[in-house]
């Protein structure tokens, strides 16, 4: 069997090229930031520390976090079928491994979409060694979030509370729990290295607001929790940026890892569990990542809402529904507060003139169009 790496690589061609895909991520209520930036720390909030006091904040020790949350972290093994690649066709069985977080006492477990992508069978192993089969309830490749379900007694389930990822600050201590290299219940410690990062989803759209950490994350950590000093889920481990590989060709930790923010995870998971379709707003433009004084359009997708509205490369959007837009990040954050089907009014600078343009937001396609 071939072992599949369950930590995605990172390096978005769009971001590296100085352009951000604004084929926007919004699901209506979730707020994201989309450019690669570091948010300034608020002087009014003192980071919580592990087993120490800073001001009035006191956190748990790493051992206390593990003992509190370990029972709520599961090992996930996935069997899938893939093309064998042989001249006469056929399929071969592949196996991958990741981690997950118990979300409620009904049997819902959260993990990354890429952990269970293409699964023909899923097995969950709890901290006490109990193994059970699981079914995939639903997934969203735009945010790399999945919900799986197990039928076990409520006494076997130990949900972990979710933190507000929007409150994370650079320097906050974190703990990751997962199954790196098939070693379940592995704990690593680090800090929040940056917030508001952009990473590439499995369908090549952008996951925004990612938490960057130097806690060691390796293949098998995917879907496991990144926990704050109170033992609450700050995000799900998702990707690493690395120039290190193992003898088997898998990427390994270089101290730059990324987690899907908990606010995004909780919102998408809630929609999946409720049986609601996941729909993301779609504009259909690529934006200049470094534009100032507005959001400058680099290219427009053919047949997109932006194309129908008459937007052109070089246009600079300076306001949405009267709200001033000063940057690419602010443009995408603002659009992301709207739902597919809603109409917004853009204030657009083109050459030496300014005009108002009406744009009806579309629904994001399953995969990012080329552009």
Protein backbone atom coordinates (compact mmCIF):
# COMPACT_ATOMS: atom_id res chain seq x y z
CA UNK A 1 0.00 0.00 0.00
CA UNK A 2 1.10 3.49 -0.72
CA UNK A 3 1.10 5.84 2.26
CA UNK A 4 -0.44 9.20 1.45
CA UNK A 5 0.98 12.31 3.07
CA UNK A 6 -1.82 13.99 5.01
CA UNK A 7 -0.30 17.42 5.33
CA UNK A 8 -0.74 19.56 2.25
CA UNK A 9 2.21 21.46 0.83
CA UNK A 10 1.88 25.21 0.69
CA UNK A 11 3.00 27.80 -1.84
CA UNK A 12 0.21 29.54 -3.68
CA UNK A 13 1.26 30.49 -7.17
CA UNK A 14 -1.23 33.33 -7.09
CA UNK A 15 0.18 34.79 -3.88
CA UNK A 16 3.81 34.22 -4.82
CA UNK A 17 3.20 35.97 -8.12
CA UNK A 18 1.93 39.06 -6.34
CA UNK A 19 -1.70 38.37 -7.22
CA UNK A 20 -4.50 37.14 -5.00
CA UNK A 21 -7.41 35.10 -6.28
CA UNK A 22 -10.45 37.08 -5.24
CA UNK A 23 -12.88 34.42 -6.42
CA UNK A 24 -14.11 35.17 -3.03
CA UNK A 25 -14.27 32.74 -0.15
CA UNK A 26 -17.33 34.04 1.63
CA UNK A 27 -20.06 31.79 2.95
CA UNK A 28 -22.20 34.74 3.92
CA UNK A 29 -21.44 34.94 7.64
CA UNK A 30 -17.81 33.89 8.02
CA UNK A 31 -15.33 36.76 7.96
CA UNK A 32 -11.91 36.14 6.47
CA UNK A 33 -8.85 38.19 5.64
CA UNK A 34 -7.17 37.17 2.42
CA UNK A 35 -3.78 38.76 2.08
CA UNK A 36 -0.64 37.50 3.75
CA UNK A 37 -0.29 39.95 6.61
CA UNK A 38 0.56 40.04 10.29
CA UNK A 39 -2.11 41.62 12.45
CA UNK A 40 -0.75 44.00 15.09
CA UNK A 41 -1.15 42.80 18.66
CA UNK A 42 -3.61 44.68 20.82
CA UNK A 43 -2.08 46.34 23.83
CA UNK A 44 -5.34 45.76 25.71
CA UNK A 45 -5.00 41.98 25.62
CA UNK A 46 -2.18 40.13 27.35
CA UNK A 47 -1.44 36.71 25.84
CA UNK A 48 -2.22 33.70 27.99
CA UNK A 49 0.86 31.67 28.91
CA UNK A 50 1.46 28.05 29.78
CA UNK A 51 1.62 27.42 33.56
CA UNK A 52 2.48 31.01 34.31
CA UNK A 53 0.87 34.35 34.95
CA UNK A 54 1.08 37.39 32.73
CA UNK A 55 -1.03 40.16 34.18
CA UNK A 56 -4.30 38.46 35.15
CA UNK A 57 -4.09 35.63 32.58
CA UNK A 58 -3.07 32.16 33.61
CA UNK A 59 -2.81 29.20 31.31
CA UNK A 60 -2.48 25.45 31.66
CA UNK A 61 0.79 23.58 31.44
CA UNK A 62 1.40 21.54 28.28
CA UNK A 63 0.81 18.39 30.31
CA UNK A 64 -2.49 19.77 31.62
CA UNK A 65 -3.60 20.66 28.09
CA UNK A 66 -2.81 17.13 26.93
CA UNK A 67 -4.54 15.43 29.86
CA UNK A 68 -7.59 17.65 29.40
CA UNK A 69 -7.87 17.37 25.62
CA UNK A 70 -6.13 14.13 24.68
CA UNK A 71 -9.34 12.08 24.94
CA UNK A 72 -10.97 14.45 22.46
CA UNK A 73 -8.33 13.90 19.75
CA UNK A 74 -8.64 10.87 17.50
CA UNK A 75 -6.42 9.10 14.99
CA UNK A 76 -8.01 8.74 11.53
CA UNK A 77 -6.93 6.13 8.99
CA UNK A 78 -8.35 6.30 5.50
CA UNK A 79 -8.45 3.72 2.73
CA UNK A 80 -8.99 4.94 -0.82
CA UNK A 81 -8.81 3.61 -4.36
CA UNK A 82 -6.62 5.26 -6.98
CA UNK A 83 -5.55 4.57 -10.52
CA UNK A 84 -2.68 2.11 -10.57
CA UNK A 85 -0.85 3.82 -13.40
CA UNK A 86 -0.13 0.49 -15.08
CA UNK A 87 -0.49 0.30 -18.89
CA UNK A 88 -3.65 -1.81 -18.66
CA UNK A 89 -5.37 0.38 -16.10
CA UNK A 90 -6.88 -0.83 -12.85
CA UNK A 91 -6.82 0.58 -9.35
CA UNK A 92 -4.71 0.19 -6.26
CA UNK A 93 -5.52 0.64 -2.63
CA UNK A 94 -3.90 3.55 -0.83
CA UNK A 95 -3.90 4.40 2.83
CA UNK A 96 -3.47 7.69 4.63
CA UNK A 97 -3.54 8.92 8.19
CA UNK A 98 -4.54 12.10 9.94
CA UNK A 99 -6.19 13.29 13.13
CA UNK A 100 -9.50 14.75 14.20
CA UNK A 101 -11.27 16.62 16.98
CA UNK A 102 -14.39 15.41 18.77
CA UNK A 103 -16.94 18.17 18.25
CA UNK A 104 -20.01 17.03 20.19
CA UNK A 105 -21.46 14.10 22.14
CA UNK A 106 -23.58 13.05 19.15
CA UNK A 107 -20.57 11.51 17.41
CA UNK A 108 -19.48 14.34 15.10
CA UNK A 109 -15.72 14.65 14.57
CA UNK A 110 -13.98 17.44 12.65
CA UNK A 111 -10.93 17.01 10.46
CA UNK A 112 -9.42 18.36 7.24
CA UNK A 113 -11.14 17.64 3.95
CA UNK A 114 -7.89 16.42 2.40
CA UNK A 115 -7.59 13.76 5.13
CA UNK A 116 -10.77 11.99 4.00
CA UNK A 117 -10.81 12.99 0.34
CA UNK A 118 -11.71 10.00 -1.83
CA UNK A 119 -12.13 7.69 1.16
CA UNK A 120 -13.71 4.30 0.60
CA UNK A 121 -13.46 3.57 4.33
CA UNK A 122 -12.57 5.60 7.43
CA UNK A 123 -11.47 4.20 10.80
CA UNK A 124 -11.27 6.27 13.98
CA UNK A 125 -9.08 5.27 16.92
CA UNK A 126 -9.70 6.94 20.28
CA UNK A 127 -7.04 7.65 22.88
CA UNK A 128 -8.08 4.56 24.88
CA UNK A 129 -7.50 2.32 21.85
CA UNK A 130 -11.15 1.89 20.80
CA UNK A 131 -11.45 1.55 17.01
CA UNK A 132 -14.68 2.25 15.12
CA UNK A 133 -15.72 2.85 11.55
CA UNK A 134 -16.79 6.34 10.58
CA UNK A 135 -18.80 7.83 7.74
CA UNK A 136 -18.11 11.12 6.01
CA UNK A 137 -21.02 13.50 6.71
CA UNK A 138 -19.83 16.29 4.44
CA UNK A 139 -16.80 18.24 3.26
CA UNK A 140 -15.85 21.65 1.93
CA UNK A 141 -12.72 21.74 -0.20
CA UNK A 142 -12.72 25.57 -0.28
CA UNK A 143 -11.92 25.68 3.44
CA UNK A 144 -10.46 22.14 3.75
CA UNK A 145 -13.00 21.22 6.46
CA UNK A 146 -14.74 17.86 6.86
CA UNK A 147 -17.16 16.30 9.32
CA UNK A 148 -17.18 12.56 9.97
CA UNK A 149 -19.54 10.68 12.28
CA UNK A 150 -19.12 7.69 14.61
CA UNK A 151 -21.75 5.69 16.46
CA UNK A 152 -20.37 5.25 19.96
CA UNK A 153 -21.75 5.88 23.46
CA UNK A 154 -21.66 9.51 24.57
CA UNK A 155 -19.33 8.47 27.39
CA UNK A 156 -16.67 7.72 24.75
CA UNK A 157 -16.88 11.25 23.34
CA UNK A 158 -14.98 14.16 24.87
CA UNK A 159 -15.67 17.35 22.87
CA UNK A 160 -13.06 20.08 22.96
CA UNK A 161 -14.22 23.68 23.23
CA UNK A 162 -13.40 26.07 20.41
CA UNK A 163 -11.57 29.35 20.95
CA UNK A 164 -12.16 32.62 19.08
CA UNK A 165 -9.41 32.51 16.46
CA UNK A 166 -9.93 36.22 15.82
CA UNK A 167 -8.42 36.93 19.25
CA UNK A 168 -5.15 35.09 18.56
CA UNK A 169 -2.00 37.19 18.88
CA UNK A 170 1.55 36.70 17.72
CA UNK A 171 3.48 35.11 20.57
CA UNK A 172 0.53 33.26 22.10
CA UNK A 173 1.60 29.74 23.14
CA UNK A 174 0.00 26.78 21.37
CA UNK A 175 0.01 22.98 21.50
CA UNK A 176 -0.57 20.64 18.54
CA UNK A 177 -1.83 17.08 19.01
CA UNK A 178 -1.93 14.58 16.16
CA UNK A 179 -0.49 11.48 14.51
CA UNK A 180 2.70 12.57 12.72
CA UNK A 181 4.36 9.73 10.83
CA UNK A 182 1.82 7.24 12.30
CA UNK A 183 2.61 8.21 15.90
CA UNK A 184 -0.81 8.97 17.46
CA UNK A 185 -1.15 11.20 20.52
CA UNK A 186 2.02 13.11 19.71
CA UNK A 187 2.21 16.53 21.37
CA UNK A 188 4.30 19.47 20.16
CA UNK A 189 4.54 22.98 21.56
CA UNK A 190 5.15 26.36 19.99
CA UNK A 191 3.74 29.83 19.57
CA UNK A 192 1.50 31.70 17.16
CA UNK A 193 4.10 32.93 14.67
CA UNK A 194 1.68 35.06 12.66
CA UNK A 195 -2.03 35.52 12.04
CA UNK A 196 -4.10 36.41 8.99
CA UNK A 197 -2.10 34.20 6.63
CA UNK A 198 -3.45 32.97 3.31
CA UNK A 199 -2.98 29.35 2.28
CA UNK A 200 -4.16 27.33 -0.71
CA UNK A 201 -7.18 25.06 -0.36
CA UNK A 202 -7.33 21.62 -2.03
CA UNK A 203 -9.42 23.12 -4.85
CA UNK A 204 -6.82 25.90 -5.33
CA UNK A 205 -8.94 28.68 -3.85
CA UNK A 206 -7.68 30.64 -0.86
CA UNK A 207 -8.19 29.80 2.80
CA UNK A 208 -7.93 33.05 4.69
CA UNK A 209 -7.13 34.01 8.26
CA UNK A 210 -4.88 30.98 8.80
CA UNK A 211 -2.89 30.72 12.03
CA UNK A 212 0.85 30.31 11.51
CA UNK A 213 2.83 28.39 14.13
CA UNK A 214 6.30 27.05 14.77
CA UNK A 215 4.91 24.03 16.66
CA UNK A 216 6.15 20.96 14.76
CA UNK A 217 3.50 19.78 12.27
CA UNK A 218 4.22 16.79 10.05
CA UNK A 219 2.32 14.33 7.80
CA UNK A 220 -0.36 12.80 10.04
CA UNK A 221 -0.98 15.99 12.04
CA UNK A 222 -3.57 17.19 9.54
CA UNK A 223 -7.02 17.63 11.08
CA UNK A 224 -5.66 17.55 14.61
CA UNK A 225 -6.14 20.54 16.89
CA UNK A 226 -3.89 23.51 17.43
CA UNK A 227 -4.79 24.38 21.02
CA UNK A 228 -4.34 27.60 22.98
CA UNK A 229 -3.09 27.81 26.55
CA UNK A 230 -6.60 27.24 27.87
CA UNK A 231 -6.82 23.97 25.95
CA UNK A 232 -9.33 25.31 23.43
CA UNK A 233 -9.15 24.68 19.67
CA UNK A 234 -7.57 27.66 17.92
CA UNK A 235 -7.52 25.86 14.57
CA UNK A 236 -7.06 22.56 12.75
CA UNK A 237 -3.52 21.74 11.60
CA UNK A 238 -3.51 21.84 7.82
CA UNK A 239 -0.32 22.64 5.95
CA UNK A 240 3.41 23.14 6.25
CA UNK A 241 5.86 25.17 4.26
CA UNK A 242 9.07 23.21 4.01
CA UNK A 243 12.23 22.52 2.08
CA UNK A 244 12.87 19.37 4.11
CA UNK A 245 11.81 15.90 2.98
CA UNK A 246 12.03 12.45 4.49
CA UNK A 247 13.68 9.45 2.82
CA UNK A 248 10.20 8.58 1.52
CA UNK A 249 9.80 11.98 -0.11
CA UNK A 250 7.32 13.40 2.42
CA UNK A 251 7.62 16.99 3.54
CA UNK A 252 8.67 17.48 7.15
CA UNK A 253 8.52 20.34 9.60
CA UNK A 254 10.70 23.38 9.04
CA UNK A 255 8.99 25.32 11.79
CA UNK A 256 6.41 26.98 9.55
CA UNK A 257 3.00 25.37 9.86
CA UNK A 258 -0.54 26.61 9.29
CA UNK A 259 -3.90 25.86 10.87
CA UNK A 260 -7.39 26.58 9.53
CA UNK A 261 -8.82 29.18 11.96
CA UNK A 262 -11.34 27.84 14.46
CA UNK A 263 -13.97 30.44 13.55
CA UNK A 264 -14.00 29.19 9.97
CA UNK A 265 -13.97 25.54 11.02
CA UNK A 266 -16.86 25.96 13.46
CA UNK A 267 -18.98 27.88 10.94
CA UNK A 268 -18.48 25.41 8.10
CA UNK A 269 -18.89 22.39 10.39
CA UNK A 270 -22.13 23.80 11.75
CA UNK A 271 -23.51 24.16 8.23
CA UNK A 272 -22.48 20.62 7.29
CA UNK A 273 -23.99 19.09 10.43
CA UNK A 274 -27.21 21.03 9.87
CA UNK A 275 -27.40 19.63 6.36
CA UNK A 276 -27.03 23.05 4.75
CA UNK A 277 -25.24 23.40 1.41
CA UNK A 278 -21.92 25.21 1.62
CA UNK A 279 -21.99 28.15 -0.78
CA UNK A 280 -19.19 30.68 -1.10
CA UNK A 281 -19.57 34.10 -2.72
CA UNK A 282 -17.79 34.50 -6.05
CA UNK A 283 -16.61 37.70 -7.72
CA UNK A 284 -14.33 36.33 -10.41
CA UNK A 285 -11.26 38.58 -10.31
CA UNK A 286 -7.61 38.32 -9.42
CA UNK A 287 -6.32 41.27 -7.40
CA UNK A 288 -2.92 42.88 -7.06
CA UNK A 289 -1.72 41.78 -3.61
CA UNK A 290 0.29 44.94 -3.03
CA UNK A 291 -2.18 47.54 -4.27
CA UNK A 292 -2.85 50.58 -2.09
CA UNK A 293 -5.55 53.22 -2.23
CA UNK A 294 -8.03 50.53 -3.19
CA UNK A 295 -8.07 47.00 -4.64
CA UNK A 296 -6.56 46.85 -8.11
CA UNK A 297 -7.89 44.19 -10.49
CA UNK A 298 -5.21 42.22 -12.32
CA UNK A 299 -7.47 40.00 -14.40
CA UNK A 300 -11.15 39.16 -14.81
CA UNK A 301 -12.51 35.64 -15.24
CA UNK A 302 -14.54 35.19 -18.42
CA UNK A 303 -18.24 34.69 -17.72
CA UNK A 304 -17.87 35.68 -14.07
CA UNK A 305 -20.00 38.19 -12.12
CA UNK A 306 -17.13 40.67 -12.45
CA UNK A 307 -17.14 40.26 -16.22
CA UNK A 308 -20.92 40.72 -16.38
CA UNK A 309 -20.62 43.88 -14.27
CA UNK A 310 -18.11 45.36 -16.72
CA UNK A 311 -14.99 45.28 -14.54
CA UNK A 312 -11.67 45.35 -16.39
CA UNK A 313 -7.99 44.72 -15.59
CA UNK A 314 -6.47 47.87 -14.12
CA UNK A 315 -9.69 48.99 -12.43
CA UNK A 316 -9.28 50.04 -8.80
CA UNK A 317 -12.19 49.41 -6.42
CA UNK A 318 -12.28 52.16 -3.79
CA UNK A 319 -15.62 51.43 -2.09
CA UNK A 320 -18.27 48.72 -1.70
CA UNK A 321 -21.80 49.86 -0.90
CA UNK A 322 -20.31 53.17 0.23
CA UNK A 323 -17.72 51.60 2.54
CA UNK A 324 -14.22 52.82 1.70
CA UNK A 325 -11.81 50.14 0.45
CA UNK A 326 -8.12 50.93 0.88
CA UNK A 327 -6.50 47.57 0.10
CA UNK A 328 -6.93 44.15 -1.46
CA UNK A 329 -7.40 42.63 1.98
CA UNK A 330 -10.20 45.02 2.86
CA UNK A 331 -11.93 44.38 -0.47
CA UNK A 332 -12.08 40.63 0.07
CA UNK A 333 -13.00 40.94 3.75
CA UNK A 334 -15.88 43.24 2.83
CA UNK A 335 -17.19 41.14 -0.05
CA UNK A 336 -16.95 38.10 2.20
CA UNK A 337 -19.65 39.51 4.48
CA UNK A 338 -22.20 39.09 1.67
CA UNK A 339 -23.87 35.92 0.41
CA UNK A 340 -24.13 34.53 -3.12
CA UNK A 341 -27.01 36.16 -4.98
CA UNK A 342 -26.72 39.50 -3.22
CA UNK A 343 -25.99 42.62 -5.26
CA UNK A 344 -23.27 45.06 -4.25
CA UNK A 345 -22.33 48.48 -5.63
CA UNK A 346 -18.66 49.07 -6.39
CA UNK A 347 -17.02 52.45 -6.66
CA UNK A 348 -14.43 51.99 -9.41
CA UNK A 349 -11.58 54.21 -10.60
CA UNK A 350 -10.64 53.70 -14.25
CA UNK A 351 -8.11 56.03 -15.74
CA UNK A 352 -9.01 59.50 -14.53
CA UNK A 353 -12.69 58.87 -13.87
CA UNK A 354 -14.76 57.24 -11.13
CA UNK A 355 -18.01 55.34 -11.65
CA UNK A 356 -20.48 53.14 -9.79
CA UNK A 357 -20.93 49.53 -10.88
CA UNK A 358 -23.55 47.03 -9.74
CA UNK A 359 -22.37 43.44 -9.29
CA UNK A 360 -24.50 40.41 -8.42
CA UNK A 361 -22.37 37.93 -6.45
CA UNK A 362 -22.21 34.43 -7.83
CA UNK A 363 -21.57 31.05 -6.22
CA UNK A 364 -18.03 29.80 -6.19
CA UNK A 365 -17.30 26.91 -8.59
CA UNK A 366 -15.95 23.63 -7.26
CA UNK A 367 -12.43 24.39 -8.49
CA UNK A 368 -10.65 27.63 -9.20
CA UNK A 369 -10.74 28.60 -12.87
CA UNK A 370 -7.37 29.15 -14.51
CA UNK A 371 -6.26 32.74 -14.80
